């Protein structure tokens, strides 16, 4: 019973096997992530349309639940920009004139998102995450990194950047930097830009010379001290400011007549949130040679959203920026999320004045620093050298995320991945096998100089399962292999070592090939037939035509059969 419970609680399993050497990294990561997420999640609360303190309330159940149920050691779960924007868009058309139902609607939406993810877990739909290949992961993280950087340009310069896309934000930033179409009062705030530049230079310097030092935490503390000493907040430097007090109370969402409208939005948010969760978790797991359970992530995200809804919160997902900051500081387990949660509770109860002087420019510089680490240029180079199509898939994913939005960009990349997979399936590698002087066994005659086929015998290998997508391709290439032989062909043998299964379209094609070869006086045989394929042949009429005498378990016994024909 205990083992079964631990399987459902991978985060708890990690904590029970905790190593003392991990503690320093988890605490530093947790404190620094908390310093970033507190002002960030308050801003997301405002973005959704609820009081900023609701953003802090939403953090608490999300982090606690994911720390127990999540399979990723690095992922930071909580309020996130994409789901916040989608929530605001879903709720706005449903508001009453006095907006009194706003909190109820956001909480209900979070519960619905959680229920959809939980149903996906029970239906074991996590396998859909397997469509996300490594090129997609590399391109996705690069795209997210650029989004993170563009989103911080206003914070580090002190100017207003209303654009919502990366290209609009960068364009507006450049226009305002050079003074094009920009009012004087919206020019760069020099103190803000200098502070952000110094913090960013500090982060890169410490990261290079002292890679194990808690650079982001040190940067925030030093920047906060500078604000206090030099009164930079009085000179126009933006700081976090006053944080409201109080802990949330539990509520039961009201599933009203607006449920059908909320349900459609909840489905979209669940898809976006889950895609973001799995992509980010897999990227960071790959860096640490870990694995995540895609189906378990559905459960963890579902329960996190249910918890957020019960404390009057709004839908949550994972944050790439907070995950990157925690990973950069050495987070080893989800204890860092529990530490961040503890800091958030402390802030809500006692430490609000301490965070009031945190400069937003320093937080923006920390995010940019973390974002640069997500752009893996060596991986792009490796993809380019390995296979150009996978390199272009990564690049398209990056631009897809930037040009459209995260979900559409990933959908485009997944679609291209499937198209590429189908193209390889529809026209796979094949080989005519023969003998090579002084080399035992049978080999692809195109791979070896001096290789020859056995006179009168064509051994043909097709390196993919036979199905409707490649049935005609197989037949044409098999007949071409016979036509290329100089010696008249007596036997055509299909080596099925790469053919694990076959569908009805391909089975009909094999019968046509058998009839065509029989009309030319050529015997059709099969070798290295697996049991599953043999069972499928027995259920068709083909085995009656070929006869079991022409089905061989090995190439060696087939050659003996050919020589004794």
Protein backbone atom coordinates (compact mmCIF):
# COMPACT_ATOMS: atom_id res chain seq x y z
CA UNK A 1 0.00 0.00 0.00
CA UNK A 2 2.84 2.38 0.92
CA UNK A 3 4.68 1.60 -2.33
CA UNK A 4 1.53 2.30 -4.36
CA UNK A 5 1.08 5.63 -2.57
CA UNK A 6 4.69 6.65 -3.31
CA UNK A 7 4.16 5.84 -7.00
CA UNK A 8 1.33 8.39 -7.01
CA UNK A 9 3.51 10.90 -5.11
CA UNK A 10 6.88 11.05 -6.93
CA UNK A 11 7.71 14.40 -5.32
CA UNK A 12 7.24 12.93 -1.85
CA UNK A 13 9.40 9.97 -2.87
CA UNK A 14 12.19 12.39 -3.81
CA UNK A 15 11.90 14.20 -0.48
CA UNK A 16 12.00 10.94 1.51
CA UNK A 17 15.30 10.10 -0.20
CA UNK A 18 16.70 13.58 0.36
CA UNK A 19 20.47 14.11 0.55
CA UNK A 20 21.99 16.73 2.86
CA UNK A 21 24.27 17.98 0.05
CA UNK A 22 21.20 19.20 -1.87
CA UNK A 23 19.97 21.49 0.92
CA UNK A 24 22.07 24.58 0.15
CA UNK A 25 21.02 24.70 -3.52
CA UNK A 26 17.35 24.11 -2.75
CA UNK A 27 17.22 26.84 -0.09
CA UNK A 28 19.04 29.40 -2.24
CA UNK A 29 16.86 28.55 -5.22
CA UNK A 30 13.68 28.71 -3.14
CA UNK A 31 14.48 32.10 -1.60
CA UNK A 32 15.54 33.63 -4.93
CA UNK A 33 12.58 32.21 -6.82
CA UNK A 34 10.30 33.61 -4.09
CA UNK A 35 11.92 37.04 -4.49
CA UNK A 36 11.05 36.88 -8.19
CA UNK A 37 7.64 35.21 -8.09
CA UNK A 38 6.09 37.45 -5.42
CA UNK A 39 6.07 40.64 -7.51
CA UNK A 40 5.55 38.61 -10.69
CA UNK A 41 2.48 36.78 -9.42
CA UNK A 42 1.01 39.97 -8.02
CA UNK A 43 1.33 41.40 -11.53
CA UNK A 44 -0.38 38.32 -12.96
CA UNK A 45 -3.25 38.86 -10.52
CA UNK A 46 -3.67 42.36 -11.90
CA UNK A 47 -3.44 40.98 -15.44
CA UNK A 48 -6.24 38.50 -14.75
CA UNK A 49 -8.35 41.27 -13.20
CA UNK A 50 -8.41 40.16 -9.55
CA UNK A 51 -6.73 41.92 -6.60
CA UNK A 52 -2.91 41.46 -6.71
CA UNK A 53 -2.92 39.52 -3.44
CA UNK A 54 -4.91 36.76 -5.19
CA UNK A 55 -1.80 36.08 -7.26
CA UNK A 56 0.07 35.32 -4.04
CA UNK A 57 -2.77 33.14 -2.75
CA UNK A 58 -2.71 31.15 -5.99
CA UNK A 59 0.98 30.32 -5.48
CA UNK A 60 0.46 28.45 -2.22
CA UNK A 61 -1.62 25.36 -3.19
CA UNK A 62 0.01 25.12 -6.63
CA UNK A 63 3.53 24.83 -5.23
CA UNK A 64 2.54 22.53 -2.37
CA UNK A 65 0.56 20.13 -4.56
CA UNK A 66 3.18 19.98 -7.31
CA UNK A 67 5.95 19.36 -4.76
CA UNK A 68 4.14 16.14 -3.80
CA UNK A 69 2.62 14.97 -7.08
CA UNK A 70 4.97 16.37 -9.76
CA UNK A 71 7.59 14.20 -11.46
CA UNK A 72 10.00 17.05 -12.30
CA UNK A 73 12.64 18.07 -9.77
CA UNK A 74 13.16 21.52 -11.32
CA UNK A 75 9.75 22.74 -12.49
CA UNK A 76 8.25 25.82 -10.81
CA UNK A 77 4.45 25.71 -10.96
CA UNK A 78 2.15 28.63 -10.26
CA UNK A 79 0.64 31.70 -11.97
CA UNK A 80 2.06 32.17 -15.47
CA UNK A 81 1.65 34.84 -18.13
CA UNK A 82 0.05 32.80 -20.94
CA UNK A 83 -2.63 31.20 -18.78
CA UNK A 84 -3.23 34.56 -17.06
CA UNK A 85 -3.89 36.24 -20.41
CA UNK A 86 -6.15 33.38 -21.52
CA UNK A 87 -8.06 33.59 -18.22
CA UNK A 88 -8.64 37.32 -18.60
CA UNK A 89 -9.87 36.80 -22.18
CA UNK A 90 -12.23 34.01 -21.09
CA UNK A 91 -13.72 35.87 -18.13
CA UNK A 92 -14.24 39.34 -19.63
CA UNK A 93 -17.34 38.51 -21.77
CA UNK A 94 -19.06 36.81 -18.81
CA UNK A 95 -18.80 39.59 -16.23
CA UNK A 96 -21.79 41.17 -14.56
CA UNK A 97 -22.13 44.94 -14.75
CA UNK A 98 -20.73 45.37 -11.22
CA UNK A 99 -17.99 42.74 -11.79
CA UNK A 100 -19.06 41.05 -8.55
CA UNK A 101 -18.73 37.59 -10.09
CA UNK A 102 -15.09 38.02 -11.23
CA UNK A 103 -13.45 36.04 -8.42
CA UNK A 104 -16.05 33.29 -8.63
CA UNK A 105 -15.53 32.90 -12.38
CA UNK A 106 -11.72 32.72 -12.16
CA UNK A 107 -11.90 30.17 -9.34
CA UNK A 108 -14.46 28.09 -11.23
CA UNK A 109 -12.29 28.22 -14.36
CA UNK A 110 -9.29 26.95 -12.37
CA UNK A 111 -11.34 24.04 -11.01
CA UNK A 112 -12.54 23.16 -14.52
CA UNK A 113 -8.96 23.21 -15.86
CA UNK A 114 -7.96 20.92 -13.00
CA UNK A 115 -10.85 18.54 -13.72
CA UNK A 116 -9.94 18.34 -17.43
CA UNK A 117 -6.31 17.51 -16.60
CA UNK A 118 -7.42 14.91 -14.05
CA UNK A 119 -9.69 13.26 -16.65
CA UNK A 120 -6.74 13.27 -19.07
CA UNK A 121 -4.68 11.50 -16.41
CA UNK A 122 -7.35 8.84 -15.85
CA UNK A 123 -7.60 8.34 -19.63
CA UNK A 124 -3.79 8.07 -19.74
CA UNK A 125 -3.44 10.76 -22.40
CA UNK A 126 0.08 11.62 -21.30
CA UNK A 127 1.41 9.62 -24.26
CA UNK A 128 0.55 12.64 -26.43
CA UNK A 129 3.62 14.32 -24.97
CA UNK A 130 5.74 11.80 -26.89
CA UNK A 131 5.01 13.82 -30.03
CA UNK A 132 7.38 16.46 -28.64
CA UNK A 133 10.78 15.50 -30.05
CA UNK A 134 14.16 16.88 -28.98
CA UNK A 135 14.36 19.46 -31.81
CA UNK A 136 10.97 20.77 -30.65
CA UNK A 137 12.22 20.98 -27.07
CA UNK A 138 15.38 22.86 -28.09
CA UNK A 139 13.47 25.27 -30.34
CA UNK A 140 10.70 25.74 -27.80
CA UNK A 141 13.08 26.73 -25.00
CA UNK A 142 14.90 29.15 -27.30
CA UNK A 143 11.57 30.75 -28.22
CA UNK A 144 10.53 30.98 -24.57
CA UNK A 145 13.92 32.55 -23.78
CA UNK A 146 13.40 35.29 -26.36
CA UNK A 147 9.89 35.91 -25.00
CA UNK A 148 11.34 36.17 -21.49
CA UNK A 149 14.00 38.67 -22.63
CA UNK A 150 11.55 40.81 -24.61
CA UNK A 151 9.15 40.86 -21.68
CA UNK A 152 11.81 42.41 -19.42
CA UNK A 153 12.88 45.26 -21.72
CA UNK A 154 10.48 47.69 -20.10
CA UNK A 155 11.61 46.74 -16.59
CA UNK A 156 15.31 47.23 -17.27
CA UNK A 157 14.85 50.54 -19.11
CA UNK A 158 12.05 52.20 -17.19
CA UNK A 159 9.97 52.82 -20.30
CA UNK A 160 6.45 51.69 -21.13
CA UNK A 161 6.30 48.95 -23.75
CA UNK A 162 2.64 48.09 -24.46
CA UNK A 163 3.40 45.52 -27.20
CA UNK A 164 2.29 41.95 -26.56
CA UNK A 165 4.48 40.13 -29.12
CA UNK A 166 8.27 39.79 -29.07
CA UNK A 167 8.74 41.70 -32.31
CA UNK A 168 6.42 44.52 -31.22
CA UNK A 169 8.17 44.81 -27.86
CA UNK A 170 11.65 44.89 -29.40
CA UNK A 171 10.55 47.39 -32.06
CA UNK A 172 8.96 49.70 -29.48
CA UNK A 173 12.03 49.40 -27.25
CA UNK A 174 14.36 50.39 -30.10
CA UNK A 175 12.07 53.27 -31.15
CA UNK A 176 12.02 54.64 -27.63
CA UNK A 177 15.77 54.14 -27.17
CA UNK A 178 16.55 56.23 -30.26
CA UNK A 179 13.70 58.64 -29.61
CA UNK A 180 11.57 57.81 -32.68
CA UNK A 181 7.85 58.54 -32.16
CA UNK A 182 8.41 58.58 -28.42
CA UNK A 183 7.27 61.27 -26.01
CA UNK A 184 9.95 62.82 -23.85
CA UNK A 185 8.39 61.53 -20.65
CA UNK A 186 8.63 57.97 -21.95
CA UNK A 187 12.37 57.97 -22.65
CA UNK A 188 14.79 55.59 -20.98
CA UNK A 189 15.18 56.09 -17.24
CA UNK A 190 18.98 56.24 -16.90
CA UNK A 191 19.21 55.06 -13.28
CA UNK A 192 17.00 52.05 -14.07
CA UNK A 193 19.06 51.12 -17.13
CA UNK A 194 22.38 51.52 -15.29
CA UNK A 195 21.20 49.42 -12.33
CA UNK A 196 19.91 46.68 -14.64
CA UNK A 197 23.16 46.74 -16.65
CA UNK A 198 25.28 46.48 -13.49
CA UNK A 199 23.16 43.62 -12.15
CA UNK A 200 23.36 41.76 -15.47
CA UNK A 201 27.16 42.27 -15.66
CA UNK A 202 27.44 41.10 -12.03
CA UNK A 203 25.41 37.96 -12.80
CA UNK A 204 27.50 37.00 -15.83
CA UNK A 205 30.77 37.74 -14.00
CA UNK A 206 29.84 35.71 -10.92
CA UNK A 207 28.42 32.94 -13.12
CA UNK A 208 31.73 32.75 -15.01
CA UNK A 209 34.23 33.07 -12.17
CA UNK A 210 32.20 31.61 -9.28
CA UNK A 211 29.64 29.31 -10.89
CA UNK A 212 28.46 27.81 -7.59
CA UNK A 213 27.79 31.18 -5.92
CA UNK A 214 24.11 32.26 -5.51
CA UNK A 215 24.53 35.09 -8.02
CA UNK A 216 20.82 36.04 -8.47
CA UNK A 217 20.16 36.16 -4.74
CA UNK A 218 23.29 38.24 -4.14
CA UNK A 219 22.30 40.55 -6.99
CA UNK A 220 18.83 41.16 -5.55
CA UNK A 221 20.19 41.80 -2.04
CA UNK A 222 22.89 44.19 -3.27
CA UNK A 223 20.45 46.03 -5.52
CA UNK A 224 17.94 46.34 -2.68
CA UNK A 225 20.67 47.68 -0.39
CA UNK A 226 21.61 50.23 -3.06
CA UNK A 227 17.99 51.39 -3.26
CA UNK A 228 17.85 51.81 0.52
CA UNK A 229 21.21 53.59 0.82
CA UNK A 230 20.93 55.96 -2.13
CA UNK A 231 17.10 56.35 -2.02
CA UNK A 232 16.88 55.39 -5.67
CA UNK A 233 13.14 54.81 -5.36
CA UNK A 234 12.75 58.55 -4.79
CA UNK A 235 14.62 59.17 -8.05
CA UNK A 236 12.14 57.28 -10.20
CA UNK A 237 13.46 53.70 -9.88
CA UNK A 238 10.52 51.27 -9.85
CA UNK A 239 10.38 48.97 -6.82
CA UNK A 240 7.99 46.20 -5.82
CA UNK A 241 6.21 48.45 -3.33
CA UNK A 242 3.71 47.62 -0.62
CA UNK A 243 2.44 44.04 -0.48
CA UNK A 244 -1.06 43.41 0.95
CA UNK A 245 -1.42 41.12 3.96
CA UNK A 246 -3.60 38.10 4.63
CA UNK A 247 -3.99 34.41 3.84
CA UNK A 248 -6.73 33.00 1.58
CA UNK A 249 -9.87 31.30 2.74
CA UNK A 250 -11.28 28.21 1.07
CA UNK A 251 -14.36 28.51 -1.13
CA UNK A 252 -16.45 26.14 -3.23
CA UNK A 253 -16.74 27.49 -6.81
CA UNK A 254 -20.24 28.14 -8.16
CA UNK A 255 -20.93 26.08 -11.30
CA UNK A 256 -23.53 28.40 -12.76
CA UNK A 257 -25.31 28.65 -16.09
CA UNK A 258 -22.08 30.03 -17.55
CA UNK A 259 -20.46 26.62 -17.25
CA UNK A 260 -20.62 25.80 -21.02
CA UNK A 261 -18.79 29.05 -21.87
CA UNK A 262 -16.15 28.41 -19.22
CA UNK A 263 -15.71 24.80 -20.26
CA UNK A 264 -14.47 25.67 -23.76
CA UNK A 265 -11.96 28.16 -22.34
CA UNK A 266 -10.88 25.67 -19.67
CA UNK A 267 -10.07 23.09 -22.35
CA UNK A 268 -7.84 25.57 -24.21
CA UNK A 269 -6.07 26.64 -21.01
CA UNK A 270 -5.54 23.00 -20.03
CA UNK A 271 -3.93 22.21 -23.39
CA UNK A 272 -1.66 25.25 -23.24
CA UNK A 273 -0.76 24.69 -19.59
CA UNK A 274 -0.01 21.00 -20.05
CA UNK A 275 2.07 21.60 -23.19
CA UNK A 276 4.07 24.24 -21.34
CA UNK A 277 4.49 21.96 -18.32
CA UNK A 278 5.74 18.96 -20.24
CA UNK A 279 8.00 20.89 -22.61
CA UNK A 280 9.70 22.83 -19.81
CA UNK A 281 9.95 19.80 -17.52
CA UNK A 282 11.48 17.65 -20.25
CA UNK A 283 14.02 20.29 -21.22
CA UNK A 284 15.34 20.63 -17.68
CA UNK A 285 15.11 16.88 -17.00
CA UNK A 286 17.29 16.23 -20.07
CA UNK A 287 19.93 18.60 -18.69
CA UNK A 288 20.19 16.55 -15.51
CA UNK A 289 19.78 13.09 -17.06
CA UNK A 290 16.41 12.67 -15.36
CA UNK A 291 13.04 11.53 -16.65
CA UNK A 292 9.55 12.83 -16.16
CA UNK A 293 6.26 10.95 -16.27
CA UNK A 294 4.06 12.76 -18.81
CA UNK A 295 0.90 11.17 -17.46
CA UNK A 296 1.80 12.04 -13.87
CA UNK A 297 2.25 15.65 -15.00
CA UNK A 298 -1.41 15.69 -16.01
CA UNK A 299 -2.40 14.64 -12.50
CA UNK A 300 -0.04 17.11 -10.81
CA UNK A 301 -1.20 20.03 -12.97
CA UNK A 302 -4.83 19.05 -12.48
CA UNK A 303 -4.56 18.94 -8.69
CA UNK A 304 -2.57 22.19 -8.63
CA UNK A 305 -5.39 23.94 -10.52
CA UNK A 306 -8.04 22.38 -8.29
CA UNK A 307 -6.16 23.71 -5.26
CA UNK A 308 -5.84 27.17 -6.84
CA UNK A 309 -9.57 27.27 -7.51
CA UNK A 310 -10.43 26.33 -3.93
CA UNK A 311 -8.46 29.33 -2.55
CA UNK A 312 -10.15 31.85 -4.90
CA UNK A 313 -7.20 31.68 -7.31
CA UNK A 314 -6.97 31.41 -11.08
CA UNK A 315 -5.55 28.76 -13.50
CA UNK A 316 -1.86 27.93 -13.16
CA UNK A 317 0.85 26.31 -15.23
CA UNK A 318 4.65 26.23 -15.11
CA UNK A 319 6.97 29.22 -15.35
CA UNK A 320 10.02 28.80 -17.58
CA UNK A 321 11.70 31.86 -16.06
CA UNK A 322 11.27 30.74 -12.44
CA UNK A 323 12.33 27.21 -13.34
CA UNK A 324 15.45 28.57 -15.04
CA UNK A 325 16.30 30.77 -12.04
CA UNK A 326 15.92 27.85 -9.62
CA UNK A 327 17.94 25.51 -11.80
CA UNK A 328 20.66 28.11 -12.21
CA UNK A 329 20.97 28.31 -8.40
CA UNK A 330 21.26 24.55 -8.01
CA UNK A 331 17.76 23.33 -7.15
CA UNK A 332 17.82 19.53 -6.78
CA UNK A 333 14.29 18.68 -5.64
CA UNK A 334 10.89 20.27 -5.17
CA UNK A 335 12.01 21.34 -1.70
CA UNK A 336 12.92 24.61 -3.42
CA UNK A 337 9.21 25.11 -4.20
CA UNK A 338 8.30 24.45 -0.57
CA UNK A 339 10.94 26.98 0.52
CA UNK A 340 9.51 29.53 -1.94
CA UNK A 341 6.03 28.80 -0.60
CA UNK A 342 7.27 29.31 2.97
CA UNK A 343 8.82 32.66 2.02
CA UNK A 344 5.54 33.71 0.38
CA UNK A 345 3.59 32.85 3.54
CA UNK A 346 6.15 34.76 5.62
CA UNK A 347 5.76 37.77 3.36
CA UNK A 348 1.97 37.64 3.61
CA UNK A 349 2.19 37.51 7.40
CA UNK A 350 5.33 39.36 8.53
CA UNK A 351 7.95 40.36 5.93
CA UNK A 352 6.09 42.66 3.58
CA UNK A 353 8.25 45.74 4.32
CA UNK A 354 11.48 43.85 3.49
CA UNK A 355 10.40 43.23 -0.10
CA UNK A 356 8.99 46.70 -0.68
CA UNK A 357 12.38 48.06 -1.87
CA UNK A 358 13.18 45.22 -4.29
CA UNK A 359 14.00 46.99 -7.61
CA UNK A 360 12.05 45.64 -10.57
CA UNK A 361 15.04 46.35 -12.83
CA UNK A 362 17.15 43.84 -10.87
CA UNK A 363 14.44 41.21 -11.17
CA UNK A 364 14.26 41.88 -14.91
CA UNK A 365 18.03 41.43 -15.21
CA UNK A 366 17.81 38.09 -13.35
CA UNK A 367 15.19 36.86 -15.81
CA UNK A 368 17.30 37.91 -18.80
CA UNK A 369 20.32 36.15 -17.29
CA UNK A 370 18.29 32.96 -16.81
CA UNK A 371 16.86 33.25 -20.33
CA UNK A 372 20.29 33.34 -21.97
CA UNK A 373 21.02 29.96 -20.43
CA UNK A 374 17.97 28.48 -22.17
CA UNK A 375 19.28 29.26 -25.67
CA UNK A 376 21.45 26.23 -26.39
CA UNK A 377 23.51 27.27 -29.40
CA UNK A 378 25.70 24.08 -29.21
CA UNK A 379 22.55 21.97 -29.51
CA UNK A 380 21.44 23.86 -32.63
CA UNK A 381 24.90 23.25 -34.12
CA UNK A 382 24.71 19.55 -33.21
CA UNK A 383 21.30 19.24 -34.87
CA UNK A 384 22.62 20.97 -38.00
CA UNK A 385 25.51 18.54 -38.24
CA UNK A 386 23.39 15.49 -37.48
CA UNK A 387 20.39 16.09 -39.73
CA UNK A 388 19.40 19.34 -41.42
CA UNK A 389 15.69 18.55 -41.25
CA UNK A 390 15.82 18.35 -37.44
CA UNK A 391 17.78 21.61 -37.26
CA UNK A 392 15.15 23.39 -39.36
CA UNK A 393 12.43 21.84 -37.19
CA UNK A 394 14.04 23.43 -34.10
CA UNK A 395 14.36 26.79 -35.87
CA UNK A 396 10.73 26.65 -37.07
CA UNK A 397 9.60 25.85 -33.53
CA UNK A 398 11.49 28.87 -32.21
CA UNK A 399 9.95 31.21 -34.79
CA UNK A 400 6.55 29.56 -34.39
CA UNK A 401 6.57 30.32 -30.66
CA UNK A 402 7.67 33.90 -31.35
CA UNK A 403 5.40 34.72 -34.29
CA UNK A 404 2.18 33.07 -33.10
CA UNK A 405 1.93 31.96 -29.50
CA UNK A 406 3.35 29.07 -27.53
CA UNK A 407 0.57 26.57 -28.28
CA UNK A 408 0.29 27.37 -32.00
CA UNK A 409 4.08 27.32 -32.37
CA UNK A 410 4.30 23.90 -30.75
CA UNK A 411 1.38 22.63 -32.85
CA UNK A 412 3.16 23.74 -36.03
CA UNK A 413 6.35 21.99 -34.94
CA UNK A 414 4.52 18.81 -33.95
CA UNK A 415 2.72 18.82 -37.30
CA UNK A 416 6.03 19.15 -39.14
CA UNK A 417 7.52 16.36 -37.00
CA UNK A 418 4.67 14.06 -37.97
CA UNK A 419 5.03 14.98 -41.64
CA UNK A 420 8.76 14.24 -41.50
CA UNK A 421 8.10 10.94 -39.71
CA UNK A 422 5.51 9.94 -42.32
CA UNK A 423 7.91 10.86 -45.13
CA UNK A 424 10.55 8.55 -43.65
CA UNK A 425 7.93 5.84 -43.19
CA UNK A 426 6.61 6.30 -46.73
CA UNK A 427 10.08 6.04 -48.31
CA UNK A 428 12.41 4.21 -45.90
CA UNK A 429 15.82 2.72 -46.49
CA UNK A 430 15.88 -0.62 -48.32
CA UNK A 431 18.61 -3.07 -49.30
CA UNK A 432 19.37 -5.97 -51.60
CA UNK A 433 21.53 -8.35 -49.59
CA UNK A 434 24.41 -10.43 -50.86
CA UNK A 435 27.80 -11.84 -49.91
CA UNK A 436 31.06 -9.95 -49.35
CA UNK A 437 34.48 -11.64 -49.84
CA UNK A 438 36.13 -12.54 -46.52
CA UNK A 439 33.15 -11.22 -44.52
CA UNK A 440 30.66 -13.66 -42.97
CA UNK A 441 26.93 -13.11 -43.23
CA UNK A 442 24.75 -11.21 -45.70
CA UNK A 443 25.10 -7.47 -46.23
CA UNK A 444 23.69 -4.55 -48.20
CA UNK A 445 25.47 -4.82 -51.56
CA UNK A 446 25.58 -1.01 -51.86
CA UNK A 447 27.61 -0.74 -48.65
CA UNK A 448 30.53 -2.97 -49.63
CA UNK A 449 32.86 -2.98 -52.59
CA UNK A 450 32.91 -6.35 -54.30
CA UNK A 451 29.58 -7.44 -52.79
CA UNK A 452 27.44 -9.66 -55.05
CA UNK A 453 24.03 -11.28 -54.86
CA UNK A 454 23.61 -15.03 -54.92
CA UNK A 455 22.86 -15.93 -58.57
CA UNK A 456 19.14 -16.48 -59.08
CA UNK A 457 18.26 -15.16 -55.61
CA UNK A 458 17.18 -11.66 -54.58
CA UNK A 459 17.10 -11.09 -50.81
CA UNK A 460 15.26 -7.82 -50.29
CA UNK A 461 15.07 -5.96 -46.96
CA UNK A 462 12.63 -3.10 -46.34
CA UNK A 463 13.46 -1.13 -43.22
CA UNK A 464 10.00 -0.11 -42.01
CA UNK A 465 6.65 -1.68 -41.09
CA UNK A 466 4.46 -2.24 -44.14
CA UNK A 467 1.34 -0.11 -44.20
CA UNK A 468 -0.91 1.94 -46.46
CA UNK A 469 1.62 4.79 -46.50
CA UNK A 470 4.41 2.79 -48.12
CA UNK A 471 2.70 -0.19 -49.79
CA UNK A 472 3.08 1.16 -53.34
CA UNK A 473 6.63 2.39 -52.64
CA UNK A 474 7.58 -1.10 -51.42
CA UNK A 475 6.14 -2.84 -54.46
CA UNK A 476 7.85 -0.53 -56.97
CA UNK A 477 11.25 -0.80 -55.29
CA UNK A 478 10.97 -4.58 -54.83
CA UNK A 479 10.23 -5.08 -58.54
CA UNK A 480 13.07 -2.69 -59.45
CA UNK A 481 15.51 -4.79 -57.40
CA UNK A 482 14.54 -7.81 -59.53
CA UNK A 483 14.87 -5.90 -62.80
CA UNK A 484 18.39 -4.75 -61.91
CA UNK A 485 19.67 -8.32 -61.62
CA UNK A 486 21.80 -9.58 -64.52
CA UNK A 487 21.18 -13.28 -63.80
CA UNK A 488 17.55 -14.41 -64.22
CA UNK A 489 15.85 -14.35 -60.82
CA UNK A 490 14.33 -17.61 -59.60
CA UNK A 491 13.51 -16.65 -55.99
CA UNK A 492 12.50 -13.31 -54.43
CA UNK A 493 12.87 -13.44 -50.64
CA UNK A 494 11.52 -10.69 -48.42
CA UNK A 495 13.69 -10.25 -45.32
CA UNK A 496 11.12 -9.10 -42.73
CA UNK A 497 13.49 -8.35 -39.82
CA UNK A 498 12.34 -4.71 -39.81
CA UNK A 499 8.67 -5.51 -40.51
CA UNK A 500 7.00 -6.07 -37.15
CA UNK A 501 3.45 -5.71 -38.44
CA UNK A 502 1.40 -5.14 -41.56
CA UNK A 503 -1.99 -3.64 -42.33
CA UNK A 504 -4.66 -4.84 -44.75
CA UNK A 505 -3.60 -2.45 -47.54
CA UNK A 506 -0.04 -3.79 -47.46
CA UNK A 507 -1.32 -7.36 -47.21
CA UNK A 508 -3.33 -6.92 -50.39
CA UNK A 509 -0.26 -5.42 -52.04
CA UNK A 510 1.83 -8.48 -51.09
CA UNK A 511 -0.80 -10.73 -52.68
CA UNK A 512 -0.60 -8.64 -55.86
CA UNK A 513 3.20 -8.89 -55.79
CA UNK A 514 2.98 -12.66 -55.29
CA UNK A 515 0.65 -13.02 -58.29
CA UNK A 516 2.88 -10.80 -60.46
CA UNK A 517 6.02 -12.75 -59.53
CA UNK A 518 4.25 -16.08 -60.04
CA UNK A 519 3.27 -14.95 -63.57
CA UNK A 520 7.00 -14.31 -64.23
CA UNK A 521 7.97 -17.73 -62.84
CA UNK A 522 9.60 -16.32 -59.70
CA UNK A 523 9.11 -17.98 -56.30
CA UNK A 524 8.10 -15.65 -53.46
CA UNK A 525 9.43 -16.48 -49.98
CA UNK A 526 9.85 -14.71 -46.63
CA UNK A 527 12.62 -14.94 -44.05
CA UNK A 528 13.11 -13.84 -40.44
CA UNK A 529 9.35 -13.74 -39.91
CA UNK A 530 8.39 -12.76 -36.36
CA UNK A 531 5.53 -14.46 -34.54
CA UNK A 532 3.26 -11.40 -34.64
CA UNK A 533 3.73 -11.03 -38.38
CA UNK A 534 3.25 -14.77 -38.88
CA UNK A 535 -0.07 -14.58 -37.02
CA UNK A 536 -1.21 -11.79 -39.32
CA UNK A 537 -0.19 -13.81 -42.38
CA UNK A 538 -2.23 -16.77 -41.11
CA UNK A 539 -5.32 -14.59 -40.90
CA UNK A 540 -4.94 -13.66 -44.57
CA UNK A 541 -5.06 -15.65 -47.80
CA UNK A 542 -1.41 -14.88 -48.54
CA UNK A 543 -0.02 -17.70 -46.41
CA UNK A 544 -2.14 -20.19 -48.36
CA UNK A 545 -0.51 -18.94 -51.57
CA UNK A 546 3.05 -18.84 -50.30
CA UNK A 547 2.72 -22.07 -48.26
CA UNK A 548 4.46 -22.52 -44.94
CA UNK A 549 7.39 -24.23 -46.70
CA UNK A 550 8.45 -20.82 -48.01
CA UNK A 551 8.38 -19.10 -44.60
CA UNK A 552 11.84 -19.23 -42.96
CA UNK A 553 12.90 -18.24 -39.48
CA UNK A 554 16.47 -17.39 -40.53
CA UNK A 555 18.33 -16.32 -43.65
CA UNK A 556 20.62 -19.33 -43.26
CA UNK A 557 17.76 -21.86 -43.50
CA UNK A 558 16.32 -19.89 -46.42
CA UNK A 559 19.58 -20.15 -48.37
CA UNK A 560 19.68 -23.90 -47.70
CA UNK A 561 16.10 -24.11 -49.02
CA UNK A 562 17.06 -22.14 -52.13
CA UNK A 563 20.10 -24.31 -52.89
CA UNK A 564 18.07 -27.50 -52.52
CA UNK A 565 15.17 -26.24 -54.67
